[in-house]
Amino acid sequence: MEASIHVKKLLHGLKDMNFLKIEGRGFILTYAKTEFTDDLEKAFELILLQIVTIEKMRNILPSD
């Protein structure tokens, strides 16, 4: 992702994304594709409709 993306824009974009949780397996990405989501997919090697494992999701959105 470009370094010029501001933190507020990044957080807002992440909050607008939808995920379908598959209990015990991970998440399916169900958001609409935009330039923002394309950049995230490239940065984190995600594929729309692919199950993202719980471990990979923790790397993207670490818990506090």
PDB file of N, CA and C in Angstrom:
ATOM      1  N   MET A   1       0.844  -1.183   0.000  1.00  0.00           N
ATOM      2  CA  MET A   1       0.000   0.000   0.000  1.00  0.00           C
ATOM      3  C   MET A   1       0.880   1.234   0.000  1.00  0.00           C
ATOM      4  N   GLU A   2       0.361   2.268  -0.554  1.00  0.00           N
ATOM      5  CA  GLU A   2       1.104   3.522  -0.566  1.00  0.00           C
ATOM      6  C   GLU A   2       1.228   4.076   0.843  1.00  0.00           C
ATOM      7  N   ALA A   3       2.376   4.636   1.116  1.00  0.00           N
ATOM      8  CA  ALA A   3       2.600   5.220   2.437  1.00  0.00           C
ATOM      9  C   ALA A   3       1.730   6.446   2.665  1.00  0.00           C
ATOM     10  N   SER A   4       1.143   6.981   1.601  1.00  0.00           N
ATOM     11  CA  SER A   4       0.357   8.205   1.738  1.00  0.00           C
ATOM     12  C   SER A   4      -1.046   7.961   2.307  1.00  0.00           C
ATOM     13  N   ILE A   5      -1.448   6.711   2.470  1.00  0.00           N
ATOM     14  CA  ILE A   5      -2.769   6.445   3.053  1.00  0.00           C
ATOM     15  C   ILE A   5      -2.711   6.787   4.537  1.00  0.00           C
ATOM     16  N   HIS A   6      -3.602   7.624   4.968  1.00  0.00           N
ATOM     17  CA  HIS A   6      -3.628   8.050   6.362  1.00  0.00           C
ATOM     18  C   HIS A   6      -4.280   6.991   7.238  1.00  0.00           C
ATOM     19  N   VAL A   7      -3.888   6.967   8.484  1.00  0.00           N
ATOM     20  CA  VAL A   7      -4.402   5.985   9.433  1.00  0.00           C
ATOM     21  C   VAL A   7      -5.917   6.056   9.527  1.00  0.00           C
ATOM     22  N   LYS A   8      -6.482   7.257   9.590  1.00  0.00           N
ATOM     23  CA  LYS A   8      -7.942   7.392   9.701  1.00  0.00           C
ATOM     24  C   LYS A   8      -8.636   6.785   8.493  1.00  0.00           C
ATOM     25  N   LYS A   9      -8.093   7.016   7.308  1.00  0.00           N
ATOM     26  CA  LYS A   9      -8.675   6.450   6.088  1.00  0.00           C
ATOM     27  C   LYS A   9      -8.577   4.925   6.118  1.00  0.00           C
ATOM     28  N   LEU A  10      -7.450   4.409   6.576  1.00  0.00           N
ATOM     29  CA  LEU A  10      -7.263   2.969   6.666  1.00  0.00           C
ATOM     30  C   LEU A  10      -8.255   2.349   7.647  1.00  0.00           C
ATOM     31  N   LEU A  11      -8.376   2.936   8.832  1.00  0.00           N
ATOM     32  CA  LEU A  11      -9.313   2.412   9.833  1.00  0.00           C
ATOM     33  C   LEU A  11     -10.751   2.490   9.344  1.00  0.00           C
ATOM     34  N   HIS A  12     -11.117   3.599   8.717  1.00  0.00           N
ATOM     35  CA  HIS A  12     -12.463   3.755   8.184  1.00  0.00           C
ATOM     36  C   HIS A  12     -12.734   2.688   7.115  1.00  0.00           C
ATOM     37  N   GLY A  13     -11.772   2.474   6.232  1.00  0.00           N
ATOM     38  CA  GLY A  13     -11.930   1.472   5.185  1.00  0.00           C
ATOM     39  C   GLY A  13     -12.078   0.068   5.745  1.00  0.00           C
ATOM     40  N   LEU A  14     -11.293  -0.255   6.764  1.00  0.00           N
ATOM     41  CA  LEU A  14     -11.389  -1.580   7.389  1.00  0.00           C
ATOM     42  C   LEU A  14     -12.738  -1.779   8.073  1.00  0.00           C
ATOM     43  N   LYS A  15     -13.253  -0.737   8.721  1.00  0.00           N
ATOM     44  CA  LYS A  15     -14.553  -0.839   9.395  1.00  0.00           C
ATOM     45  C   LYS A  15     -15.687  -1.044   8.408  1.00  0.00           C
ATOM     46  N   ASP A  16     -15.520  -0.542   7.181  1.00  0.00           N
ATOM     47  CA  ASP A  16     -16.562  -0.682   6.162  1.00  0.00           C
ATOM     48  C   ASP A  16     -16.551  -2.045   5.470  1.00  0.00           C
ATOM     49  N   MET A  17     -15.520  -2.833   5.708  1.00  0.00           N
ATOM     50  CA  MET A  17     -15.412  -4.133   5.049  1.00  0.00           C
ATOM     51  C   MET A  17     -16.248  -5.172   5.789  1.00  0.00           C
ATOM     52  N   ASN A  18     -16.813  -6.098   5.031  1.00  0.00           N
ATOM     53  CA  ASN A  18     -17.627  -7.160   5.619  1.00  0.00           C
ATOM     54  C   ASN A  18     -16.911  -8.500   5.486  1.00  0.00           C
ATOM     55  N   PHE A  19     -17.030  -9.306   6.530  1.00  0.00           N
ATOM     56  CA  PHE A  19     -16.460 -10.639   6.553  1.00  0.00           C
ATOM     57  C   PHE A  19     -17.527 -11.606   7.048  1.00  0.00           C
ATOM     58  N   LEU A  20     -17.547 -12.807   6.513  1.00  0.00           N
ATOM     59  CA  LEU A  20     -18.435 -13.855   6.981  1.00  0.00           C
ATOM     60  C   LEU A  20     -17.587 -14.821   7.787  1.00  0.00           C
ATOM     61  N   LYS A  21     -17.885 -14.948   9.083  1.00  0.00           N
ATOM     62  CA  LYS A  21     -17.087 -15.820   9.951  1.00  0.00           C
ATOM     63  C   LYS A  21     -17.571 -17.255   9.815  1.00  0.00           C
ATOM     64  N   ILE A  22     -16.624 -18.153   9.581  1.00  0.00           N
ATOM     65  CA  ILE A  22     -16.907 -19.585   9.545  1.00  0.00           C
ATOM     66  C   ILE A  22     -16.285 -20.163  10.807  1.00  0.00           C
ATOM     67  N   GLU A  23     -17.127 -20.518  11.738  1.00  0.00           N
ATOM     68  CA  GLU A  23     -16.694 -20.921  13.072  1.00  0.00           C
ATOM     69  C   GLU A  23     -15.611 -21.997  13.011  1.00  0.00           C
ATOM     70  N   GLY A  24     -14.493 -21.718  13.670  1.00  0.00           N
ATOM     71  CA  GLY A  24     -13.397 -22.652  13.758  1.00  0.00           C
ATOM     72  C   GLY A  24     -12.501 -22.719  12.527  1.00  0.00           C
ATOM     73  N   ARG A  25     -12.869 -22.034  11.443  1.00  0.00           N
ATOM     74  CA  ARG A  25     -12.084 -22.112  10.204  1.00  0.00           C
ATOM     75  C   ARG A  25     -11.445 -20.787   9.850  1.00  0.00           C
ATOM     76  N   GLY A  26     -12.231 -19.714   9.877  1.00  0.00           N
ATOM     77  CA  GLY A  26     -11.710 -18.417   9.484  1.00  0.00           C
ATOM     78  C   GLY A  26     -12.798 -17.517   8.961  1.00  0.00           C
ATOM     79  N   PHE A  27     -12.491 -16.722   7.936  1.00  0.00           N
ATOM     80  CA  PHE A  27     -13.404 -15.717   7.426  1.00  0.00           C
ATOM     81  C   PHE A  27     -13.419 -15.739   5.900  1.00  0.00           C
ATOM     82  N   ILE A  28     -14.576 -15.445   5.332  1.00  0.00           N
ATOM     83  CA  ILE A  28     -14.685 -15.222   3.892  1.00  0.00           C
ATOM     84  C   ILE A  28     -14.890 -13.722   3.711  1.00  0.00           C
ATOM     85  N   LEU A  29     -14.123 -13.146   2.817  1.00  0.00           N
ATOM     86  CA  LEU A  29     -14.217 -11.720   2.544  1.00  0.00           C
ATOM     87  C   LEU A  29     -15.442 -11.476   1.672  1.00  0.00           C
ATOM     88  N   THR A  30     -16.360 -10.620   2.124  1.00  0.00           N
ATOM     89  CA  THR A  30     -17.609 -10.403   1.386  1.00  0.00           C
ATOM     90  C   THR A  30     -17.844  -8.935   1.048  1.00  0.00           C
ATOM     91  N   TYR A  31     -16.799  -8.160   0.982  1.00  0.00           N
ATOM     92  CA  TYR A  31     -16.917  -6.725   0.722  1.00  0.00           C
ATOM     93  C   TYR A  31     -16.939  -6.444  -0.772  1.00  0.00           C
ATOM     94  N   ALA A  32     -17.418  -5.258  -1.121  1.00  0.00           N
ATOM     95  CA  ALA A  32     -17.388  -4.806  -2.516  1.00  0.00           C
ATOM     96  C   ALA A  32     -15.963  -4.405  -2.884  1.00  0.00           C
ATOM     97  N   LYS A  33     -15.537  -4.756  -4.083  1.00  0.00           N
ATOM     98  CA  LYS A  33     -14.181  -4.426  -4.521  1.00  0.00           C
ATOM     99  C   LYS A  33     -14.067  -2.946  -4.868  1.00  0.00           C
ATOM    100  N   THR A  34     -13.007  -2.341  -4.343  1.00  0.00           N
ATOM    101  CA  THR A  34     -12.685  -0.946  -4.632  1.00  0.00           C
ATOM    102  C   THR A  34     -11.165  -0.869  -4.804  1.00  0.00           C
ATOM    103  N   GLU A  35     -10.663   0.294  -5.141  1.00  0.00           N
ATOM    104  CA  GLU A  35      -9.213   0.473  -5.228  1.00  0.00           C
ATOM    105  C   GLU A  35      -8.573   0.203  -3.865  1.00  0.00           C
ATOM    106  N   PHE A  36      -9.252   0.636  -2.801  1.00  0.00           N
ATOM    107  CA  PHE A  36      -8.773   0.419  -1.435  1.00  0.00           C
ATOM    108  C   PHE A  36      -8.654  -1.078  -1.137  1.00  0.00           C
ATOM    109  N   THR A  37      -9.713  -1.846  -1.430  1.00  0.00           N
ATOM    110  CA  THR A  37      -9.671  -3.279  -1.137  1.00  0.00           C
ATOM    111  C   THR A  37      -8.662  -3.999  -2.027  1.00  0.00           C
ATOM    112  N   ASP A  38      -8.509  -3.545  -3.258  1.00  0.00           N
ATOM    113  CA  ASP A  38      -7.494  -4.129  -4.138  1.00  0.00           C
ATOM    114  C   ASP A  38      -6.101  -3.946  -3.544  1.00  0.00           C
ATOM    115  N   ASP A  39      -5.837  -2.751  -2.999  1.00  0.00           N
ATOM    116  CA  ASP A  39      -4.541  -2.486  -2.359  1.00  0.00           C
ATOM    117  C   ASP A  39      -4.329  -3.385  -1.144  1.00  0.00           C
ATOM    118  N   LEU A  40      -5.386  -3.567  -0.334  1.00  0.00           N
ATOM    119  CA  LEU A  40      -5.274  -4.450   0.836  1.00  0.00           C
ATOM    120  C   LEU A  40      -5.028  -5.888   0.406  1.00  0.00           C
ATOM    121  N   GLU A  41      -5.747  -6.333  -0.614  1.00  0.00           N
ATOM    122  CA  GLU A  41      -5.566  -7.702  -1.101  1.00  0.00           C
ATOM    123  C   GLU A  41      -4.129  -7.937  -1.546  1.00  0.00           C
ATOM    124  N   LYS A  42      -3.554  -6.955  -2.217  1.00  0.00           N
ATOM    125  CA  LYS A  42      -2.155  -7.074  -2.658  1.00  0.00           C
ATOM    126  C   LYS A  42      -1.207  -7.073  -1.458  1.00  0.00           C
ATOM    127  N   ALA A  43      -1.444  -6.171  -0.521  1.00  0.00           N
ATOM    128  CA  ALA A  43      -0.552  -6.024   0.631  1.00  0.00           C
ATOM    129  C   ALA A  43      -0.563  -7.259   1.529  1.00  0.00           C
ATOM    130  N   PHE A  44      -1.750  -7.881   1.694  1.00  0.00           N
ATOM    131  CA  PHE A  44      -1.876  -9.003   2.621  1.00  0.00           C
ATOM    132  C   PHE A  44      -2.126 -10.331   1.917  1.00  0.00           C
ATOM    133  N   GLU A  45      -1.993 -10.342   0.575  1.00  0.00           N
ATOM    134  CA  GLU A  45      -2.160 -11.550  -0.223  1.00  0.00           C
ATOM    135  C   GLU A  45      -3.510 -12.216   0.035  1.00  0.00           C
ATOM    136  N   LEU A  46      -4.572 -11.438  -0.050  1.00  0.00           N
ATOM    137  CA  LEU A  46      -5.929 -11.935   0.130  1.00  0.00           C
ATOM    138  C   LEU A  46      -6.578 -12.138  -1.233  1.00  0.00           C
ATOM    139  N   ILE A  47      -7.544 -13.039  -1.290  1.00  0.00           N
ATOM    140  CA  ILE A  47      -8.306 -13.264  -2.517  1.00  0.00           C
ATOM    141  C   ILE A  47      -9.782 -13.270  -2.136  1.00  0.00           C
ATOM    142  N   LEU A  48     -10.590 -12.470  -2.856  1.00  0.00           N
ATOM    143  CA  LEU A  48     -12.020 -12.423  -2.592  1.00  0.00           C
ATOM    144  C   LEU A  48     -12.605 -13.823  -2.689  1.00  0.00           C
ATOM    145  N   LEU A  49     -13.465 -14.193  -1.768  1.00  0.00           N
ATOM    146  CA  LEU A  49     -14.127 -15.499  -1.659  1.00  0.00           C
ATOM    147  C   LEU A  49     -13.189 -16.613  -1.207  1.00  0.00           C
ATOM    148  N   GLN A  50     -11.989 -16.280  -0.807  1.00  0.00           N
ATOM    149  CA  GLN A  50     -11.074 -17.256  -0.226  1.00  0.00           C
ATOM    150  C   GLN A  50     -11.306 -17.249   1.280  1.00  0.00           C
ATOM    151  N   ILE A  51     -11.198 -18.402   1.915  1.00  0.00           N
ATOM    152  CA  ILE A  51     -11.279 -18.428   3.375  1.00  0.00           C
ATOM    153  C   ILE A  51      -9.955 -17.933   3.926  1.00  0.00           C
ATOM    154  N   VAL A  52     -10.025 -16.889   4.737  1.00  0.00           N
ATOM    155  CA  VAL A  52      -8.842 -16.355   5.406  1.00  0.00           C
ATOM    156  C   VAL A  52      -8.802 -16.994   6.785  1.00  0.00           C
ATOM    157  N   THR A  53      -7.738 -17.704   7.081  1.00  0.00           N
ATOM    158  CA  THR A  53      -7.657 -18.414   8.352  1.00  0.00           C
ATOM    159  C   THR A  53      -7.634 -17.433   9.524  1.00  0.00           C
ATOM    160  N   ILE A  54      -8.014 -17.944  10.666  1.00  0.00           N
ATOM    161  CA  ILE A  54      -8.022 -17.128  11.881  1.00  0.00           C
ATOM    162  C   ILE A  54      -6.622 -16.592  12.157  1.00  0.00           C
ATOM    163  N   GLU A  55      -5.591 -17.419  11.932  1.00  0.00           N
ATOM    164  CA  GLU A  55      -4.215 -16.993  12.174  1.00  0.00           C
ATOM    165  C   GLU A  55      -3.830 -15.834  11.260  1.00  0.00           C
ATOM    166  N   LYS A  56      -4.209 -15.912   9.975  1.00  0.00           N
ATOM    167  CA  LYS A  56      -3.871 -14.845   9.045  1.00  0.00           C
ATOM    168  C   LYS A  56      -4.634 -13.561   9.414  1.00  0.00           C
ATOM    169  N   MET A  57      -5.895 -13.696   9.820  1.00  0.00           N
ATOM    170  CA  MET A  57      -6.690 -12.542  10.221  1.00  0.00           C
ATOM    171  C   MET A  57      -6.054 -11.862  11.428  1.00  0.00           C
ATOM    172  N   ARG A  58      -5.491 -12.642  12.342  1.00  0.00           N
ATOM    173  CA  ARG A  58      -4.820 -12.049  13.506  1.00  0.00           C
ATOM    174  C   ARG A  58      -3.614 -11.221  13.087  1.00  0.00           C
ATOM    175  N   ASN A  59      -2.942 -11.628  12.000  1.00  0.00           N
ATOM    176  CA  ASN A  59      -1.814 -10.852  11.496  1.00  0.00           C
ATOM    177  C   ASN A  59      -2.271  -9.548  10.861  1.00  0.00           C
ATOM    178  N   ILE A  60      -3.480  -9.549  10.293  1.00  0.00           N
ATOM    179  CA  ILE A  60      -4.011  -8.346   9.663  1.00  0.00           C
ATOM    180  C   ILE A  60      -4.600  -7.409  10.709  1.00  0.00           C
ATOM    181  N   LEU A  61      -5.392  -7.957  11.617  1.00  0.00           N
ATOM    182  CA  LEU A  61      -6.061  -7.163  12.650  1.00  0.00           C
ATOM    183  C   LEU A  61      -5.675  -7.702  14.028  1.00  0.00           C
ATOM    184  N   PRO A  62      -4.479  -7.389  14.506  1.00  0.00           N
ATOM    185  CA  PRO A  62      -4.051  -7.925  15.806  1.00  0.00           C
ATOM    186  C   PRO A  62      -4.937  -7.410  16.938  1.00  0.00           C
ATOM    187  N   SER A  63      -5.200  -8.281  17.895  1.00  0.00           N
ATOM    188  CA  SER A  63      -6.002  -7.873  19.053  1.00  0.00           C
ATOM    189  C   SER A  63      -5.121  -7.146  20.049  1.00  0.00           C
ATOM    190  N   ASP A  64      -5.759  -6.319  20.864  1.00  0.00           N
ATOM    191  CA  ASP A  64      -5.009  -5.525  21.867  1.00  0.00           C
ATOM    192  C   ASP A  64      -4.758  -6.344  23.101  1.00  0.00           C
TER     193      ASP A  64
END
